[in-house]
PDB file of N, CA and C in Angstrom:
ATOM      1  N   MET A   1       0.829  -1.154   0.000  1.00  0.00           N
ATOM      2  CA  MET A   1       0.000   0.000   0.000  1.00  0.00           C
ATOM      3  C   MET A   1       0.893   1.243   0.000  1.00  0.00           C
ATOM      4  N   HIS A   2       0.609   2.183  -0.866  1.00  0.00           N
ATOM      5  CA  HIS A   2       1.363   3.432  -0.903  1.00  0.00           C
ATOM      6  C   HIS A   2       0.920   4.317   0.250  1.00  0.00           C
ATOM      7  N   TYR A   3       1.861   5.098   0.790  1.00  0.00           N
ATOM      8  CA  TYR A   3       1.568   5.914   1.958  1.00  0.00           C
ATOM      9  C   TYR A   3       2.327   7.226   1.872  1.00  0.00           C
ATOM     10  N   CYS A   4       1.738   8.286   2.402  1.00  0.00           N
ATOM     11  CA  CYS A   4       2.386   9.591   2.440  1.00  0.00           C
ATOM     12  C   CYS A   4       2.242  10.170   3.833  1.00  0.00           C
ATOM     13  N   ILE A   5       3.330  10.716   4.369  1.00  0.00           N
ATOM     14  CA  ILE A   5       3.324  11.347   5.685  1.00  0.00           C
ATOM     15  C   ILE A   5       4.170  12.609   5.596  1.00  0.00           C
ATOM     16  N   LYS A   6       3.864  13.597   6.382  1.00  0.00           N
ATOM     17  CA  LYS A   6       4.643  14.836   6.394  1.00  0.00           C
ATOM     18  C   LYS A   6       5.795  14.683   7.384  1.00  0.00           C
ATOM     19  N   GLY A   7       6.996  15.008   6.957  1.00  0.00           N
ATOM     20  CA  GLY A   7       8.171  14.906   7.812  1.00  0.00           C
ATOM     21  C   GLY A   7       9.431  15.036   6.980  1.00  0.00           C
ATOM     22  N   THR A   8      10.551  14.663   7.580  1.00  0.00           N
ATOM     23  CA  THR A   8      11.847  14.706   6.901  1.00  0.00           C
ATOM     24  C   THR A   8      12.587  13.405   7.180  1.00  0.00           C
ATOM     25  N   LEU A   9      13.148  12.795   6.132  1.00  0.00           N
ATOM     26  CA  LEU A   9      13.955  11.585   6.292  1.00  0.00           C
ATOM     27  C   LEU A   9      15.410  11.957   6.514  1.00  0.00           C
ATOM     28  N   PHE A  10      16.060  11.227   7.414  1.00  0.00           N
ATOM     29  CA  PHE A  10      17.486  11.406   7.677  1.00  0.00           C
ATOM     30  C   PHE A  10      18.200  10.078   7.543  1.00  0.00           C
ATOM     31  N   ASP A  11      19.417  10.100   7.029  1.00  0.00           N
ATOM     32  CA  ASP A  11      20.256   8.908   6.917  1.00  0.00           C
ATOM     33  C   ASP A  11      20.961   8.691   8.243  1.00  0.00           C
ATOM     34  N   THR A  12      20.804   7.509   8.842  1.00  0.00           N
ATOM     35  CA  THR A  12      21.435   7.205  10.126  1.00  0.00           C
ATOM     36  C   THR A  12      22.888   6.772   9.963  1.00  0.00           C
ATOM     37  N   LYS A  13      23.317   6.548   8.728  1.00  0.00           N
ATOM     38  CA  LYS A  13      24.652   5.998   8.440  1.00  0.00           C
ATOM     39  C   LYS A  13      24.805   4.578   9.002  1.00  0.00           C
ATOM     40  N   ARG A  14      23.669   3.930   9.302  1.00  0.00           N
ATOM     41  CA  ARG A  14      23.663   2.557   9.817  1.00  0.00           C
ATOM     42  C   ARG A  14      22.864   1.630   8.912  1.00  0.00           C
ATOM     43  N   GLY A  15      22.546   2.111   7.712  1.00  0.00           N
ATOM     44  CA  GLY A  15      21.860   1.259   6.749  1.00  0.00           C
ATOM     45  C   GLY A  15      20.355   1.421   6.702  1.00  0.00           C
ATOM     46  N   TYR A  16      19.815   2.346   7.489  1.00  0.00           N
ATOM     47  CA  TYR A  16      18.371   2.564   7.444  1.00  0.00           C
ATOM     48  C   TYR A  16      18.074   4.034   7.742  1.00  0.00           C
ATOM     49  N   PRO A  17      16.968   4.537   7.205  1.00  0.00           N
ATOM     50  CA  PRO A  17      16.604   5.939   7.456  1.00  0.00           C
ATOM     51  C   PRO A  17      15.726   6.064   8.701  1.00  0.00           C
ATOM     52  N   VAL A  18      15.612   7.281   9.196  1.00  0.00           N
ATOM     53  CA  VAL A  18      14.639   7.594  10.251  1.00  0.00           C
ATOM     54  C   VAL A  18      13.792   8.761   9.770  1.00  0.00           C
ATOM     55  N   LEU A  19      12.565   8.826  10.257  1.00  0.00           N
ATOM     56  CA  LEU A  19      11.649   9.892   9.894  1.00  0.00           C
ATOM     57  C   LEU A  19      11.468  10.820  11.080  1.00  0.00           C
ATOM     58  N   HIS A  20      11.677  12.098  10.858  1.00  0.00           N
ATOM     59  CA  HIS A  20      11.468  13.118  11.886  1.00  0.00           C
ATOM     60  C   HIS A  20      10.180  13.844  11.507  1.00  0.00           C
ATOM     61  N   LYS A  21       9.148  13.712  12.335  1.00  0.00           N
ATOM     62  CA  LYS A  21       7.837  14.244  11.976  1.00  0.00           C
ATOM     63  C   LYS A  21       7.618  15.686  12.419  1.00  0.00           C
ATOM     64  N   ILE A  22       8.542  16.297  13.128  1.00  0.00           N
ATOM     65  CA  ILE A  22       8.334  17.671  13.597  1.00  0.00           C
ATOM     66  C   ILE A  22       8.305  18.648  12.427  1.00  0.00           C
ATOM     67  N   ASN A  23       9.215  18.494  11.463  1.00  0.00           N
ATOM     68  CA  ASN A  23       9.194  19.342  10.271  1.00  0.00           C
ATOM     69  C   ASN A  23       8.139  18.766   9.333  1.00  0.00           C
ATOM     70  N   LYS A  24       6.931  19.282   9.388  1.00  0.00           N
ATOM     71  CA  LYS A  24       5.830  18.712   8.615  1.00  0.00           C
ATOM     72  C   LYS A  24       5.626  19.405   7.277  1.00  0.00           C
ATOM     73  N   LEU A  25       6.672  20.045   6.758  1.00  0.00           N
ATOM     74  CA  LEU A  25       6.548  20.779   5.509  1.00  0.00           C
ATOM     75  C   LEU A  25       6.823  19.923   4.285  1.00  0.00           C
ATOM     76  N   VAL A  26       7.407  18.762   4.469  1.00  0.00           N
ATOM     77  CA  VAL A  26       7.829  17.932   3.347  1.00  0.00           C
ATOM     78  C   VAL A  26       7.013  16.636   3.328  1.00  0.00           C
ATOM     79  N   ALA A  27       6.475  16.283   2.179  1.00  0.00           N
ATOM     80  CA  ALA A  27       5.762  15.020   2.034  1.00  0.00           C
ATOM     81  C   ALA A  27       6.760  13.912   1.751  1.00  0.00           C
ATOM     82  N   VAL A  28       6.703  12.852   2.544  1.00  0.00           N
ATOM     83  CA  VAL A  28       7.572  11.685   2.377  1.00  0.00           C
ATOM     84  C   VAL A  28       6.678  10.541   1.911  1.00  0.00           C
ATOM     85  N   TYR A  29       7.023   9.944   0.771  1.00  0.00           N
ATOM     86  CA  TYR A  29       6.231   8.870   0.192  1.00  0.00           C
ATOM     87  C   TYR A  29       6.949   7.544   0.371  1.00  0.00           C
ATOM     88  N   GLY A  30       6.173   6.493   0.610  1.00  0.00           N
ATOM     89  CA  GLY A  30       6.763   5.170   0.762  1.00  0.00           C
ATOM     90  C   GLY A  30       5.680   4.112   0.672  1.00  0.00           C
ATOM     91  N   GLU A  31       5.999   2.960   1.224  1.00  0.00           N
ATOM     92  CA  GLU A  31       5.052   1.847   1.238  1.00  0.00           C
ATOM     93  C   GLU A  31       4.817   1.422   2.673  1.00  0.00           C
ATOM     94  N   LEU A  32       3.598   1.041   2.968  1.00  0.00           N
ATOM     95  CA  LEU A  32       3.199   0.621   4.299  1.00  0.00           C
ATOM     96  C   LEU A  32       2.901  -0.871   4.246  1.00  0.00           C
ATOM     97  N   TYR A  33       3.520  -1.627   5.144  1.00  0.00           N
ATOM     98  CA  TYR A  33       3.325  -3.070   5.204  1.00  0.00           C
ATOM     99  C   TYR A  33       2.798  -3.463   6.576  1.00  0.00           C
ATOM    100  N   GLN A  34       1.941  -4.458   6.604  1.00  0.00           N
ATOM    101  CA  GLN A  34       1.503  -5.046   7.857  1.00  0.00           C
ATOM    102  C   GLN A  34       2.157  -6.419   7.944  1.00  0.00           C
ATOM    103  N   VAL A  35       2.909  -6.666   9.022  1.00  0.00           N
ATOM    104  CA  VAL A  35       3.588  -7.951   9.191  1.00  0.00           C
ATOM    105  C   VAL A  35       3.255  -8.517  10.563  1.00  0.00           C
ATOM    106  N   ASP A  36       3.240  -9.844  10.638  1.00  0.00           N
ATOM    107  CA  ASP A  36       3.054 -10.498  11.929  1.00  0.00           C
ATOM    108  C   ASP A  36       4.423 -10.738  12.561  1.00  0.00           C
ATOM    109  N   LYS A  37       4.464 -11.359  13.729  1.00  0.00           N
ATOM    110  CA  LYS A  37       5.736 -11.561  14.432  1.00  0.00           C
ATOM    111  C   LYS A  37       6.720 -12.407  13.622  1.00  0.00           C
ATOM    112  N   ALA A  38       6.213 -13.434  12.940  1.00  0.00           N
ATOM    113  CA  ALA A  38       7.090 -14.289  12.131  1.00  0.00           C
ATOM    114  C   ALA A  38       7.681 -13.494  10.974  1.00  0.00           C
ATOM    115  N   GLY A  39       6.850 -12.668  10.333  1.00  0.00           N
ATOM    116  CA  GLY A  39       7.340 -11.843   9.230  1.00  0.00           C
ATOM    117  C   GLY A  39       8.342 -10.811   9.705  1.00  0.00           C
ATOM    118  N   LEU A  40       8.115 -10.236  10.883  1.00  0.00           N
ATOM    119  CA  LEU A  40       9.043  -9.260  11.442  1.00  0.00           C
ATOM    120  C   LEU A  40      10.390  -9.915  11.729  1.00  0.00           C
ATOM    121  N   HIS A  41      10.360 -11.133  12.231  1.00  0.00           N
ATOM    122  CA  HIS A  41      11.603 -11.875  12.488  1.00  0.00           C
ATOM    123  C   HIS A  41      12.377 -12.091  11.185  1.00  0.00           C
ATOM    124  N   LEU A  42      11.675 -12.438  10.122  1.00  0.00           N
ATOM    125  CA  LEU A  42      12.334 -12.646   8.829  1.00  0.00           C
ATOM    126  C   LEU A  42      12.923 -11.340   8.295  1.00  0.00           C
ATOM    127  N   LEU A  43      12.208 -10.226   8.457  1.00  0.00           N
ATOM    128  CA  LEU A  43      12.736  -8.932   8.026  1.00  0.00           C
ATOM    129  C   LEU A  43      13.978  -8.559   8.835  1.00  0.00           C
ATOM    130  N   ASP A  44      13.953  -8.819  10.141  1.00  0.00           N
ATOM    131  CA  ASP A  44      15.128  -8.552  10.977  1.00  0.00           C
ATOM    132  C   ASP A  44      16.337  -9.344  10.494  1.00  0.00           C
ATOM    133  N   GLU A  45      16.127 -10.620  10.179  1.00  0.00           N
ATOM    134  CA  GLU A  45      17.225 -11.457   9.658  1.00  0.00           C
ATOM    135  C   GLU A  45      17.739 -10.904   8.342  1.00  0.00           C
ATOM    136  N   LEU A  46      16.844 -10.532   7.445  1.00  0.00           N
ATOM    137  CA  LEU A  46      17.225  -9.993   6.138  1.00  0.00           C
ATOM    138  C   LEU A  46      18.081  -8.740   6.285  1.00  0.00           C
ATOM    139  N   GLU A  47      17.732  -7.880   7.243  1.00  0.00           N
ATOM    140  CA  GLU A  47      18.449  -6.622   7.420  1.00  0.00           C
ATOM    141  C   GLU A  47      19.619  -6.725   8.398  1.00  0.00           C
ATOM    142  N   GLY A  48      19.845  -7.925   8.957  1.00  0.00           N
ATOM    143  CA  GLY A  48      20.965  -8.105   9.873  1.00  0.00           C
ATOM    144  C   GLY A  48      20.744  -7.474  11.236  1.00  0.00           C
ATOM    145  N   TYR A  49      19.482  -7.295  11.637  1.00  0.00           N
ATOM    146  CA  TYR A  49      19.157  -6.676  12.924  1.00  0.00           C
ATOM    147  C   TYR A  49      19.089  -7.720  14.010  1.00  0.00           C
ATOM    148  N   THR A  50      19.790  -7.495  15.111  1.00  0.00           N
ATOM    149  CA  THR A  50      19.705  -8.377  16.268  1.00  0.00           C
ATOM    150  C   THR A  50      19.580  -7.510  17.527  1.00  0.00           C
ATOM    151  N   ILE A  51      18.966  -8.064  18.534  1.00  0.00           N
ATOM    152  CA  ILE A  51      18.801  -7.332  19.806  1.00  0.00           C
ATOM    153  C   ILE A  51      20.000  -7.603  20.689  1.00  0.00           C
TER     154      ILE A  51
END
């Protein structure tokens, strides 16, 4: 599903962006996904994220 939110994207230099919603002057477009716990675990593995 396509999604739009007002904010600013910043590069974390860690391989993923963060969204800062205080500056609401810029429209940021992306995709919105709904995942269950199993899907979230698979995404974490894909991106190399560990706790």
